[in-house]
């Protein structure tokens, strides 16, 4: 049961990350080509993580889930740090997500 909780939460985290990269792409279309290129890189990485996360829900693999949950925990942690300069929502949301993902990951490892 903890495997699926961790896998689903990690997938939700990856989906949110992908959503923010789509938002960045939409905003960058109105700005310089360098911003647009950077946003495209963010989309490609976020999409790759999302695809792997979805796969881990259907194809059970503890080692892959541990690796991906660790990666998504770090992504959310870094997003929370970046959010400190933007607003409270963009700080608290990612930090709470990182904390919950870390707790689920620790429960999975035990």
PDB file of N, CA and C in Angstrom:
ATOM      1  N   UNK A   1       0.825  -1.207   0.000  1.00  0.00           N
ATOM      2  CA  UNK A   1       0.000   0.000   0.000  1.00  0.00           C
ATOM      3  C   UNK A   1       0.865   1.265   0.000  1.00  0.00           C
ATOM      4  N   UNK A   2       1.945   1.268   0.802  1.00  0.00           N
ATOM      5  CA  UNK A   2       2.809   2.458   0.864  1.00  0.00           C
ATOM      6  C   UNK A   2       3.495   2.693  -0.485  1.00  0.00           C
ATOM      7  N   UNK A   3       3.762   1.607  -1.216  1.00  0.00           N
ATOM      8  CA  UNK A   3       4.368   1.759  -2.546  1.00  0.00           C
ATOM      9  C   UNK A   3       3.464   2.626  -3.424  1.00  0.00           C
ATOM     10  N   UNK A   4       2.180   2.285  -3.468  1.00  0.00           N
ATOM     11  CA  UNK A   4       1.259   3.013  -4.334  1.00  0.00           C
ATOM     12  C   UNK A   4       1.005   4.441  -3.857  1.00  0.00           C
ATOM     13  N   UNK A   5       0.986   4.655  -2.543  1.00  0.00           N
ATOM     14  CA  UNK A   5       0.856   6.031  -2.031  1.00  0.00           C
ATOM     15  C   UNK A   5       2.043   6.876  -2.477  1.00  0.00           C
ATOM     16  N   UNK A   6       3.236   6.321  -2.326  1.00  0.00           N
ATOM     17  CA  UNK A   6       4.438   7.051  -2.720  1.00  0.00           C
ATOM     18  C   UNK A   6       4.469   7.259  -4.237  1.00  0.00           C
ATOM     19  N   UNK A   7       4.116   6.229  -4.998  1.00  0.00           N
ATOM     20  CA  UNK A   7       4.129   6.327  -6.464  1.00  0.00           C
ATOM     21  C   UNK A   7       3.117   7.363  -6.953  1.00  0.00           C
ATOM     22  N   UNK A   8       1.926   7.343  -6.386  1.00  0.00           N
ATOM     23  CA  UNK A   8       0.890   8.292  -6.810  1.00  0.00           C
ATOM     24  C   UNK A   8       1.254   9.713  -6.407  1.00  0.00           C
ATOM     25  N   UNK A   9       1.769   9.888  -5.199  1.00  0.00           N
ATOM     26  CA  UNK A   9       2.157  11.227  -4.770  1.00  0.00           C
ATOM     27  C   UNK A   9       3.312  11.754  -5.616  1.00  0.00           C
ATOM     28  N   UNK A  10       4.258  10.878  -5.938  1.00  0.00           N
ATOM     29  CA  UNK A  10       5.381  11.270  -6.795  1.00  0.00           C
ATOM     30  C   UNK A  10       4.878  11.651  -8.182  1.00  0.00           C
ATOM     31  N   UNK A  11       3.890  10.919  -8.686  1.00  0.00           N
ATOM     32  CA  UNK A  11       3.307  11.236  -9.994  1.00  0.00           C
ATOM     33  C   UNK A  11       2.588  12.584  -9.958  1.00  0.00           C
ATOM     34  N   UNK A  12       1.856  12.836  -8.903  1.00  0.00           N
ATOM     35  CA  UNK A  12       1.192  14.143  -8.757  1.00  0.00           C
ATOM     36  C   UNK A  12       2.228  15.254  -8.717  1.00  0.00           C
ATOM     37  N   UNK A  13       3.297  15.037  -7.986  1.00  0.00           N
ATOM     38  CA  UNK A  13       4.376  16.028  -7.896  1.00  0.00           C
ATOM     39  C   UNK A  13       4.987  16.287  -9.273  1.00  0.00           C
ATOM     40  N   UNK A  14       5.221  15.215 -10.035  1.00  0.00           N
ATOM     41  CA  UNK A  14       5.779  15.369 -11.383  1.00  0.00           C
ATOM     42  C   UNK A  14       4.791  16.081 -12.303  1.00  0.00           C
ATOM     43  N   UNK A  15       3.496  15.813 -12.134  1.00  0.00           N
ATOM     44  CA  UNK A  15       2.480  16.481 -12.957  1.00  0.00           C
ATOM     45  C   UNK A  15       2.421  17.972 -12.658  1.00  0.00           C
ATOM     46  N   UNK A  16       2.525  18.326 -11.393  1.00  0.00           N
ATOM     47  CA  UNK A  16       2.528  19.750 -11.017  1.00  0.00           C
ATOM     48  C   UNK A  16       3.762  20.432 -11.606  1.00  0.00           C
ATOM     49  N   UNK A  17       4.900  19.766 -11.519  1.00  0.00           N
ATOM     50  CA  UNK A  17       6.131  20.309 -12.094  1.00  0.00           C
ATOM     51  C   UNK A  17       5.978  20.513 -13.601  1.00  0.00           C
ATOM     52  N   UNK A  18       5.385  19.546 -14.274  1.00  0.00           N
ATOM     53  CA  UNK A  18       5.140  19.658 -15.712  1.00  0.00           C
ATOM     54  C   UNK A  18       4.194  20.824 -16.001  1.00  0.00           C
ATOM     55  N   UNK A  19       3.175  20.980 -15.183  1.00  0.00           N
ATOM     56  CA  UNK A  19       2.238  22.092 -15.346  1.00  0.00           C
ATOM     57  C   UNK A  19       2.924  23.443 -15.249  1.00  0.00           C
ATOM     58  N   UNK A  20       3.830  23.576 -14.283  1.00  0.00           N
ATOM     59  CA  UNK A  20       4.556  24.839 -14.146  1.00  0.00           C
ATOM     60  C   UNK A  20       5.486  25.075 -15.333  1.00  0.00           C
ATOM     61  N   UNK A  21       6.048  24.009 -15.908  1.00  0.00           N
ATOM     62  CA  UNK A  21       6.903  24.199 -17.077  1.00  0.00           C
ATOM     63  C   UNK A  21       6.074  24.629 -18.295  1.00  0.00           C
ATOM     64  N   UNK A  22       4.850  24.119 -18.397  1.00  0.00           N
ATOM     65  CA  UNK A  22       3.938  24.566 -19.470  1.00  0.00           C
ATOM     66  C   UNK A  22       3.603  26.041 -19.276  1.00  0.00           C
ATOM     67  N   UNK A  23       3.357  26.427 -18.029  1.00  0.00           N
ATOM     68  CA  UNK A  23       3.069  27.836 -17.721  1.00  0.00           C
ATOM     69  C   UNK A  23       4.259  28.716 -18.096  1.00  0.00           C
ATOM     70  N   UNK A  24       5.476  28.253 -17.786  1.00  0.00           N
ATOM     71  CA  UNK A  24       6.681  29.012 -18.126  1.00  0.00           C
ATOM     72  C   UNK A  24       6.833  29.138 -19.644  1.00  0.00           C
ATOM     73  N   UNK A  25       6.511  28.069 -20.358  1.00  0.00           N
ATOM     74  CA  UNK A  25       6.568  28.101 -21.811  1.00  0.00           C
ATOM     75  C   UNK A  25       5.582  29.121 -22.378  1.00  0.00           C
ATOM     76  N   UNK A  26       4.370  29.131 -21.846  1.00  0.00           N
ATOM     77  CA  UNK A  26       3.355  30.084 -22.310  1.00  0.00           C
ATOM     78  C   UNK A  26       3.799  31.521 -22.066  1.00  0.00           C
ATOM     79  N   UNK A  27       4.383  31.766 -20.917  1.00  0.00           N
ATOM     80  CA  UNK A  27       4.864  33.115 -20.607  1.00  0.00           C
ATOM     81  C   UNK A  27       6.058  33.484 -21.477  1.00  0.00           C
ATOM     82  N   UNK A  28       6.924  32.520 -21.754  1.00  0.00           N
ATOM     83  CA  UNK A  28       8.129  32.797 -22.535  1.00  0.00           C
ATOM     84  C   UNK A  28       7.821  33.078 -23.998  1.00  0.00           C
ATOM     85  N   UNK A  29       6.691  32.598 -24.487  1.00  0.00           N
ATOM     86  CA  UNK A  29       6.323  32.858 -25.881  1.00  0.00           C
ATOM     87  C   UNK A  29       6.155  34.352 -26.139  1.00  0.00           C
ATOM     88  N   UNK A  30       5.901  35.098 -25.085  1.00  0.00           N
ATOM     89  CA  UNK A  30       5.715  36.544 -25.218  1.00  0.00           C
ATOM     90  C   UNK A  30       7.022  37.310 -24.989  1.00  0.00           C
ATOM     91  N   UNK A  31       8.117  36.579 -24.732  1.00  0.00           N
ATOM     92  CA  UNK A  31       9.383  37.245 -24.418  1.00  0.00           C
ATOM     93  C   UNK A  31      10.456  36.828 -25.415  1.00  0.00           C
ATOM     94  N   UNK A  32      11.702  36.860 -24.968  1.00  0.00           N
ATOM     95  CA  UNK A  32      12.830  36.589 -25.855  1.00  0.00           C
ATOM     96  C   UNK A  32      12.922  35.119 -26.247  1.00  0.00           C
ATOM     97  N   UNK A  33      13.667  34.875 -27.317  1.00  0.00           N
ATOM     98  CA  UNK A  33      13.833  33.502 -27.784  1.00  0.00           C
ATOM     99  C   UNK A  33      14.664  32.690 -26.794  1.00  0.00           C
ATOM    100  N   UNK A  34      15.556  33.326 -26.044  1.00  0.00           N
ATOM    101  CA  UNK A  34      16.349  32.611 -25.037  1.00  0.00           C
ATOM    102  C   UNK A  34      15.447  32.073 -23.935  1.00  0.00           C
ATOM    103  N   UNK A  35      14.464  32.863 -23.522  1.00  0.00           N
ATOM    104  CA  UNK A  35      13.511  32.410 -22.508  1.00  0.00           C
ATOM    105  C   UNK A  35      12.682  31.245 -23.025  1.00  0.00           C
ATOM    106  N   UNK A  36      12.305  31.302 -24.278  1.00  0.00           N
ATOM    107  CA  UNK A  36      11.504  30.249 -24.883  1.00  0.00           C
ATOM    108  C   UNK A  36      12.308  28.945 -24.950  1.00  0.00           C
ATOM    109  N   UNK A  37      13.569  29.037 -25.320  1.00  0.00           N
ATOM    110  CA  UNK A  37      14.434  27.854 -25.376  1.00  0.00           C
ATOM    111  C   UNK A  37      14.589  27.239 -23.994  1.00  0.00           C
ATOM    112  N   UNK A  38      14.796  28.055 -22.975  1.00  0.00           N
ATOM    113  CA  UNK A  38      14.931  27.558 -21.607  1.00  0.00           C
ATOM    114  C   UNK A  38      13.645  26.874 -21.160  1.00  0.00           C
ATOM    115  N   UNK A  39      12.503  27.459 -21.496  1.00  0.00           N
ATOM    116  CA  UNK A  39      11.210  26.865 -21.134  1.00  0.00           C
ATOM    117  C   UNK A  39      11.006  25.523 -21.833  1.00  0.00           C
ATOM    118  N   UNK A  40      11.461  25.409 -23.072  1.00  0.00           N
ATOM    119  CA  UNK A  40      11.350  24.140 -23.787  1.00  0.00           C
ATOM    120  C   UNK A  40      12.186  23.054 -23.102  1.00  0.00           C
ATOM    121  N   UNK A  41      13.371  23.418 -22.631  1.00  0.00           N
ATOM    122  CA  UNK A  41      14.198  22.460 -21.893  1.00  0.00           C
ATOM    123  C   UNK A  41      13.483  22.015 -20.613  1.00  0.00           C
ATOM    124  N   UNK A  42      12.853  22.953 -19.929  1.00  0.00           N
ATOM    125  CA  UNK A  42      12.121  22.621 -18.697  1.00  0.00           C
ATOM    126  C   UNK A  42      10.970  21.662 -19.000  1.00  0.00           C
ATOM    127  N   UNK A  43      10.263  21.900 -20.097  1.00  0.00           N
ATOM    128  CA  UNK A  43       9.168  21.007 -20.486  1.00  0.00           C
ATOM    129  C   UNK A  43       9.694  19.606 -20.776  1.00  0.00           C
ATOM    130  N   UNK A  44      10.783  19.509 -21.508  1.00  0.00           N
ATOM    131  CA  UNK A  44      11.288  18.177 -21.871  1.00  0.00           C
ATOM    132  C   UNK A  44      11.683  17.385 -20.629  1.00  0.00           C
ATOM    133  N   UNK A  45      12.317  18.026 -19.678  1.00  0.00           N
ATOM    134  CA  UNK A  45      12.724  17.326 -18.456  1.00  0.00           C
ATOM    135  C   UNK A  45      11.517  16.969 -17.590  1.00  0.00           C
ATOM    136  N   UNK A  46      10.601  17.891 -17.463  1.00  0.00           N
ATOM    137  CA  UNK A  46       9.410  17.638 -16.649  1.00  0.00           C
ATOM    138  C   UNK A  46       8.549  16.536 -17.261  1.00  0.00           C
ATOM    139  N   UNK A  47       8.434  16.533 -18.566  1.00  0.00           N
ATOM    140  CA  UNK A  47       7.645  15.507 -19.237  1.00  0.00           C
ATOM    141  C   UNK A  47       8.286  14.131 -19.056  1.00  0.00           C
ATOM    142  N   UNK A  48       9.606  14.064 -19.155  1.00  0.00           N
ATOM    143  CA  UNK A  48      10.302  12.786 -18.956  1.00  0.00           C
ATOM    144  C   UNK A  48      10.051  12.247 -17.547  1.00  0.00           C
ATOM    145  N   UNK A  49      10.143  13.103 -16.547  1.00  0.00           N
ATOM    146  CA  UNK A  49       9.882  12.674 -15.173  1.00  0.00           C
ATOM    147  C   UNK A  49       8.440  12.210 -15.001  1.00  0.00           C
ATOM    148  N   UNK A  50       7.513  12.914 -15.619  1.00  0.00           N
ATOM    149  CA  UNK A  50       6.096  12.548 -15.522  1.00  0.00           C
ATOM    150  C   UNK A  50       5.835  11.183 -16.170  1.00  0.00           C
ATOM    151  N   UNK A  51       6.410  10.946 -17.324  1.00  0.00           N
ATOM    152  CA  UNK A  51       6.215   9.663 -18.005  1.00  0.00           C
ATOM    153  C   UNK A  51       6.760   8.513 -17.160  1.00  0.00           C
ATOM    154  N   UNK A  52       7.938   8.690 -16.594  1.00  0.00           N
ATOM    155  CA  UNK A  52       8.512   7.647 -15.731  1.00  0.00           C
ATOM    156  C   UNK A  52       7.636   7.448 -14.491  1.00  0.00           C
ATOM    157  N   UNK A  53       7.154   8.535 -13.915  1.00  0.00           N
ATOM    158  CA  UNK A  53       6.306   8.440 -12.721  1.00  0.00           C
ATOM    159  C   UNK A  53       5.023   7.669 -13.014  1.00  0.00           C
ATOM    160  N   UNK A  54       4.411   7.934 -14.142  1.00  0.00           N
ATOM    161  CA  UNK A  54       3.197   7.202 -14.521  1.00  0.00           C
ATOM    162  C   UNK A  54       3.529   5.722 -14.703  1.00  0.00           C
ATOM    163  N   UNK A  55       4.644   5.441 -15.329  1.00  0.00           N
ATOM    164  CA  UNK A  55       5.053   4.051 -15.539  1.00  0.00           C
ATOM    165  C   UNK A  55       5.275   3.294 -14.243  1.00  0.00           C
ATOM    166  N   UNK A  56       5.825   3.966 -13.246  1.00  0.00           N
ATOM    167  CA  UNK A  56       6.105   3.321 -11.966  1.00  0.00           C
ATOM    168  C   UNK A  56       4.818   2.951 -11.228  1.00  0.00           C
ATOM    169  N   UNK A  57       3.735   3.648 -11.501  1.00  0.00           N
ATOM    170  CA  UNK A  57       2.453   3.288 -10.889  1.00  0.00           C
ATOM    171  C   UNK A  57       1.976   1.940 -11.440  1.00  0.00           C
ATOM    172  N   UNK A  58       2.203   1.709 -12.721  1.00  0.00           N
ATOM    173  CA  UNK A  58       1.704   0.490 -13.364  1.00  0.00           C
ATOM    174  C   UNK A  58       2.708  -0.671 -13.344  1.00  0.00           C
ATOM    175  N   UNK A  59       3.997  -0.365 -13.377  1.00  0.00           N
ATOM    176  CA  UNK A  59       5.038  -1.391 -13.371  1.00  0.00           C
ATOM    177  C   UNK A  59       5.838  -1.242 -12.075  1.00  0.00           C
ATOM    178  N   UNK A  60       5.506  -2.050 -11.100  1.00  0.00           N
ATOM    179  CA  UNK A  60       6.072  -1.928  -9.759  1.00  0.00           C
ATOM    180  C   UNK A  60       7.577  -2.172  -9.785  1.00  0.00           C
ATOM    181  N   UNK A  61       8.324  -1.185  -9.278  1.00  0.00           N
ATOM    182  CA  UNK A  61       9.776  -1.288  -9.161  1.00  0.00           C
ATOM    183  C   UNK A  61      10.219  -0.402  -8.004  1.00  0.00           C
ATOM    184  N   UNK A  62      10.534  -1.031  -6.896  1.00  0.00           N
ATOM    185  CA  UNK A  62      10.963  -0.264  -5.723  1.00  0.00           C
ATOM    186  C   UNK A  62      12.215   0.571  -6.000  1.00  0.00           C
ATOM    187  N   UNK A  63      13.258   0.018  -6.638  1.00  0.00           N
ATOM    188  CA  UNK A  63      14.452   0.841  -6.880  1.00  0.00           C
ATOM    189  C   UNK A  63      14.160   2.078  -7.739  1.00  0.00           C
ATOM    190  N   UNK A  64      13.354   1.917  -8.789  1.00  0.00           N
ATOM    191  CA  UNK A  64      13.021   3.063  -9.636  1.00  0.00           C
ATOM    192  C   UNK A  64      12.170   4.082  -8.882  1.00  0.00           C
ATOM    193  N   UNK A  65      11.245   3.605  -8.076  1.00  0.00           N
ATOM    194  CA  UNK A  65      10.424   4.535  -7.294  1.00  0.00           C
ATOM    195  C   UNK A  65      11.276   5.289  -6.287  1.00  0.00           C
ATOM    196  N   UNK A  66      12.193   4.608  -5.642  1.00  0.00           N
ATOM    197  CA  UNK A  66      13.074   5.278  -4.683  1.00  0.00           C
ATOM    198  C   UNK A  66      13.881   6.367  -5.380  1.00  0.00           C
ATOM    199  N   UNK A  67      14.417   6.055  -6.555  1.00  0.00           N
ATOM    200  CA  UNK A  67      15.197   7.050  -7.303  1.00  0.00           C
ATOM    201  C   UNK A  67      14.338   8.229  -7.737  1.00  0.00           C
ATOM    202  N   UNK A  68      13.156   7.941  -8.274  1.00  0.00           N
ATOM    203  CA  UNK A  68      12.297   9.024  -8.764  1.00  0.00           C
ATOM    204  C   UNK A  68      11.722   9.843  -7.615  1.00  0.00           C
ATOM    205  N   UNK A  69      11.318   9.198  -6.543  1.00  0.00           N
ATOM    206  CA  UNK A  69      10.784   9.937  -5.389  1.00  0.00           C
ATOM    207  C   UNK A  69      11.862  10.826  -4.790  1.00  0.00           C
ATOM    208  N   UNK A  70      13.096  10.343  -4.771  1.00  0.00           N
ATOM    209  CA  UNK A  70      14.210  11.173  -4.286  1.00  0.00           C
ATOM    210  C   UNK A  70      14.391  12.377  -5.208  1.00  0.00           C
ATOM    211  N   UNK A  71      14.376  12.135  -6.518  1.00  0.00           N
ATOM    212  CA  UNK A  71      14.536  13.234  -7.481  1.00  0.00           C
ATOM    213  C   UNK A  71      13.425  14.257  -7.338  1.00  0.00           C
ATOM    214  N   UNK A  72      12.180  13.804  -7.234  1.00  0.00           N
ATOM    215  CA  UNK A  72      11.058  14.739  -7.127  1.00  0.00           C
ATOM    216  C   UNK A  72      11.062  15.477  -5.786  1.00  0.00           C
ATOM    217  N   UNK A  73      11.520  14.820  -4.742  1.00  0.00           N
ATOM    218  CA  UNK A  73      11.659  15.505  -3.453  1.00  0.00           C
ATOM    219  C   UNK A  73      12.657  16.649  -3.583  1.00  0.00           C
ATOM    220  N   UNK A  74      13.760  16.380  -4.254  1.00  0.00           N
ATOM    221  CA  UNK A  74      14.770  17.432  -4.452  1.00  0.00           C
ATOM    222  C   UNK A  74      14.257  18.545  -5.367  1.00  0.00           C
ATOM    223  N   UNK A  75      13.540  18.176  -6.420  1.00  0.00           N
ATOM    224  CA  UNK A  75      12.961  19.185  -7.322  1.00  0.00           C
ATOM    225  C   UNK A  75      12.050  20.117  -6.524  1.00  0.00           C
ATOM    226  N   UNK A  76      11.159  19.543  -5.720  1.00  0.00           N
ATOM    227  CA  UNK A  76      10.224  20.354  -4.944  1.00  0.00           C
ATOM    228  C   UNK A  76      10.961  21.182  -3.884  1.00  0.00           C
ATOM    229  N   UNK A  77      11.980  20.602  -3.274  1.00  0.00           N
ATOM    230  CA  UNK A  77      12.767  21.343  -2.285  1.00  0.00           C
ATOM    231  C   UNK A  77      13.436  22.561  -2.931  1.00  0.00           C
ATOM    232  N   UNK A  78      14.058  22.353  -4.086  1.00  0.00           N
ATOM    233  CA  UNK A  78      14.700  23.466  -4.788  1.00  0.00           C
ATOM    234  C   UNK A  78      13.673  24.493  -5.272  1.00  0.00           C
ATOM    235  N   UNK A  79      12.504  24.019  -5.730  1.00  0.00           N
ATOM    236  CA  UNK A  79      11.434  24.934  -6.128  1.00  0.00           C
ATOM    237  C   UNK A  79      11.001  25.802  -4.944  1.00  0.00           C
ATOM    238  N   UNK A  80      10.927  25.187  -3.766  1.00  0.00           N
ATOM    239  CA  UNK A  80      10.555  25.946  -2.562  1.00  0.00           C
ATOM    240  C   UNK A  80      11.575  27.017  -2.232  1.00  0.00           C
ATOM    241  N   UNK A  81      12.840  26.690  -2.398  1.00  0.00           N
ATOM    242  CA  UNK A  81      13.902  27.673  -2.138  1.00  0.00           C
ATOM    243  C   UNK A  81      13.814  28.811  -3.152  1.00  0.00           C
ATOM    244  N   UNK A  82      13.603  28.475  -4.414  1.00  0.00           N
ATOM    245  CA  UNK A  82      13.451  29.504  -5.452  1.00  0.00           C
ATOM    246  C   UNK A  82      12.224  30.367  -5.152  1.00  0.00           C
ATOM    247  N   UNK A  83      11.156  29.732  -4.669  1.00  0.00           N
ATOM    248  CA  UNK A  83       9.916  30.443  -4.361  1.00  0.00           C
ATOM    249  C   UNK A  83      10.055  31.477  -3.258  1.00  0.00           C
ATOM    250  N   UNK A  84      11.095  31.371  -2.440  1.00  0.00           N
ATOM    251  CA  UNK A  84      11.309  32.358  -1.376  1.00  0.00           C
ATOM    252  C   UNK A  84      11.354  33.784  -1.922  1.00  0.00           C
ATOM    253  N   UNK A  85      11.866  33.936  -3.135  1.00  0.00           N
ATOM    254  CA  UNK A  85      11.988  35.271  -3.726  1.00  0.00           C
ATOM    255  C   UNK A  85      10.736  35.694  -4.492  1.00  0.00           C
ATOM    256  N   UNK A  86       9.749  34.782  -4.603  1.00  0.00           N
ATOM    257  CA  UNK A  86       8.553  35.096  -5.388  1.00  0.00           C
ATOM    258  C   UNK A  86       7.370  35.395  -4.484  1.00  0.00           C
ATOM    259  N   UNK A  87       6.861  34.373  -3.786  1.00  0.00           N
ATOM    260  CA  UNK A  87       5.758  34.585  -2.853  1.00  0.00           C
ATOM    261  C   UNK A  87       5.619  33.382  -1.921  1.00  0.00           C
ATOM    262  N   UNK A  88       4.783  33.524  -0.925  1.00  0.00           N
ATOM    263  CA  UNK A  88       4.615  32.491   0.099  1.00  0.00           C
ATOM    264  C   UNK A  88       4.058  31.189  -0.482  1.00  0.00           C
ATOM    265  N   UNK A  89       3.087  31.284  -1.406  1.00  0.00           N
ATOM    266  CA  UNK A  89       2.488  30.094  -2.006  1.00  0.00           C
ATOM    267  C   UNK A  89       3.532  29.262  -2.748  1.00  0.00           C
ATOM    268  N   UNK A  90       4.418  29.943  -3.492  1.00  0.00           N
ATOM    269  CA  UNK A  90       5.430  29.235  -4.263  1.00  0.00           C
ATOM    270  C   UNK A  90       6.581  28.755  -3.386  1.00  0.00           C
ATOM    271  N   UNK A  91       6.514  29.056  -2.095  1.00  0.00           N
ATOM    272  CA  UNK A  91       7.485  28.533  -1.140  1.00  0.00           C
ATOM    273  C   UNK A  91       6.870  27.401  -0.335  1.00  0.00           C
ATOM    274  N   UNK A  92       5.728  27.645   0.260  1.00  0.00           N
ATOM    275  CA  UNK A  92       5.116  26.667   1.161  1.00  0.00           C
ATOM    276  C   UNK A  92       4.637  25.428   0.405  1.00  0.00           C
ATOM    277  N   UNK A  93       3.995  25.602  -0.731  1.00  0.00           N
ATOM    278  CA  UNK A  93       3.482  24.465  -1.508  1.00  0.00           C
ATOM    279  C   UNK A  93       4.565  23.448  -1.857  1.00  0.00           C
ATOM    280  N   UNK A  94       5.619  23.881  -2.522  1.00  0.00           N
ATOM    281  CA  UNK A  94       6.680  22.929  -2.856  1.00  0.00           C
ATOM    282  C   UNK A  94       7.387  22.339  -1.635  1.00  0.00           C
ATOM    283  N   UNK A  95       7.580  23.132  -0.592  1.00  0.00           N
ATOM    284  CA  UNK A  95       8.248  22.599   0.596  1.00  0.00           C
ATOM    285  C   UNK A  95       7.387  21.547   1.294  1.00  0.00           C
ATOM    286  N   UNK A  96       6.073  21.771   1.357  1.00  0.00           N
ATOM    287  CA  UNK A  96       5.182  20.757   1.930  1.00  0.00           C
ATOM    288  C   UNK A  96       5.160  19.495   1.068  1.00  0.00           C
ATOM    289  N   UNK A  97       5.155  19.684  -0.236  1.00  0.00           N
ATOM    290  CA  UNK A  97       5.185  18.548  -1.146  1.00  0.00           C
ATOM    291  C   UNK A  97       6.477  17.751  -0.957  1.00  0.00           C
ATOM    292  N   UNK A  98       7.587  18.445  -0.842  1.00  0.00           N
ATOM    293  CA  UNK A  98       8.872  17.777  -0.618  1.00  0.00           C
ATOM    294  C   UNK A  98       8.856  17.005   0.698  1.00  0.00           C
ATOM    295  N   UNK A  99       8.302  17.607   1.728  1.00  0.00           N
ATOM    296  CA  UNK A  99       8.240  16.952   3.033  1.00  0.00           C
ATOM    297  C   UNK A  99       7.376  15.686   2.980  1.00  0.00           C
ATOM    298  N   UNK A 100       6.204  15.787   2.383  1.00  0.00           N
ATOM    299  CA  UNK A 100       5.310  14.626   2.295  1.00  0.00           C
ATOM    300  C   UNK A 100       5.956  13.524   1.453  1.00  0.00           C
ATOM    301  N   UNK A 101       6.564  13.902   0.331  1.00  0.00           N
ATOM    302  CA  UNK A 101       7.211  12.908  -0.514  1.00  0.00           C
ATOM    303  C   UNK A 101       8.366  12.244   0.227  1.00  0.00           C
ATOM    304  N   UNK A 102       9.116  13.018   1.001  1.00  0.00           N
ATOM    305  CA  UNK A 102      10.231  12.460   1.778  1.00  0.00           C
ATOM    306  C   UNK A 102       9.724  11.483   2.841  1.00  0.00           C
ATOM    307  N   UNK A 103       8.628  11.826   3.490  1.00  0.00           N
ATOM    308  CA  UNK A 103       8.045  10.937   4.524  1.00  0.00           C
ATOM    309  C   UNK A 103       7.590   9.621   3.869  1.00  0.00           C
ATOM    310  N   UNK A 104       6.878   9.719   2.752  1.00  0.00           N
ATOM    311  CA  UNK A 104       6.424   8.512   2.065  1.00  0.00           C
ATOM    312  C   UNK A 104       7.612   7.671   1.594  1.00  0.00           C
ATOM    313  N   UNK A 105       8.655   8.337   1.129  1.00  0.00           N
ATOM    314  CA  UNK A 105       9.847   7.646   0.688  1.00  0.00           C
ATOM    315  C   UNK A 105      10.509   6.895   1.846  1.00  0.00           C
ATOM    316  N   UNK A 106      10.622   7.552   2.991  1.00  0.00           N
ATOM    317  CA  UNK A 106      11.204   6.893   4.171  1.00  0.00           C
ATOM    318  C   UNK A 106      10.366   5.706   4.616  1.00  0.00           C
ATOM    319  N   UNK A 107       9.053   5.845   4.572  1.00  0.00           N
ATOM    320  CA  UNK A 107       8.180   4.720   4.917  1.00  0.00           C
ATOM    321  C   UNK A 107       8.353   3.567   3.930  1.00  0.00           C
ATOM    322  N   UNK A 108       8.546   3.894   2.659  1.00  0.00           N
ATOM    323  CA  UNK A 108       8.759   2.871   1.641  1.00  0.00           C
ATOM    324  C   UNK A 108      10.070   2.130   1.883  1.00  0.00           C
ATOM    325  N   UNK A 109      11.103   2.853   2.234  1.00  0.00           N
ATOM    326  CA  UNK A 109      12.427   2.253   2.433  1.00  0.00           C
ATOM    327  C   UNK A 109      12.441   1.348   3.662  1.00  0.00           C
ATOM    328  N   UNK A 110      11.675   1.724   4.697  1.00  0.00           N
ATOM    329  CA  UNK A 110      11.628   0.898   5.919  1.00  0.00           C
ATOM    330  C   UNK A 110      10.964  -0.366   5.585  1.00  0.00           C
TER     331      UNK A 110
END
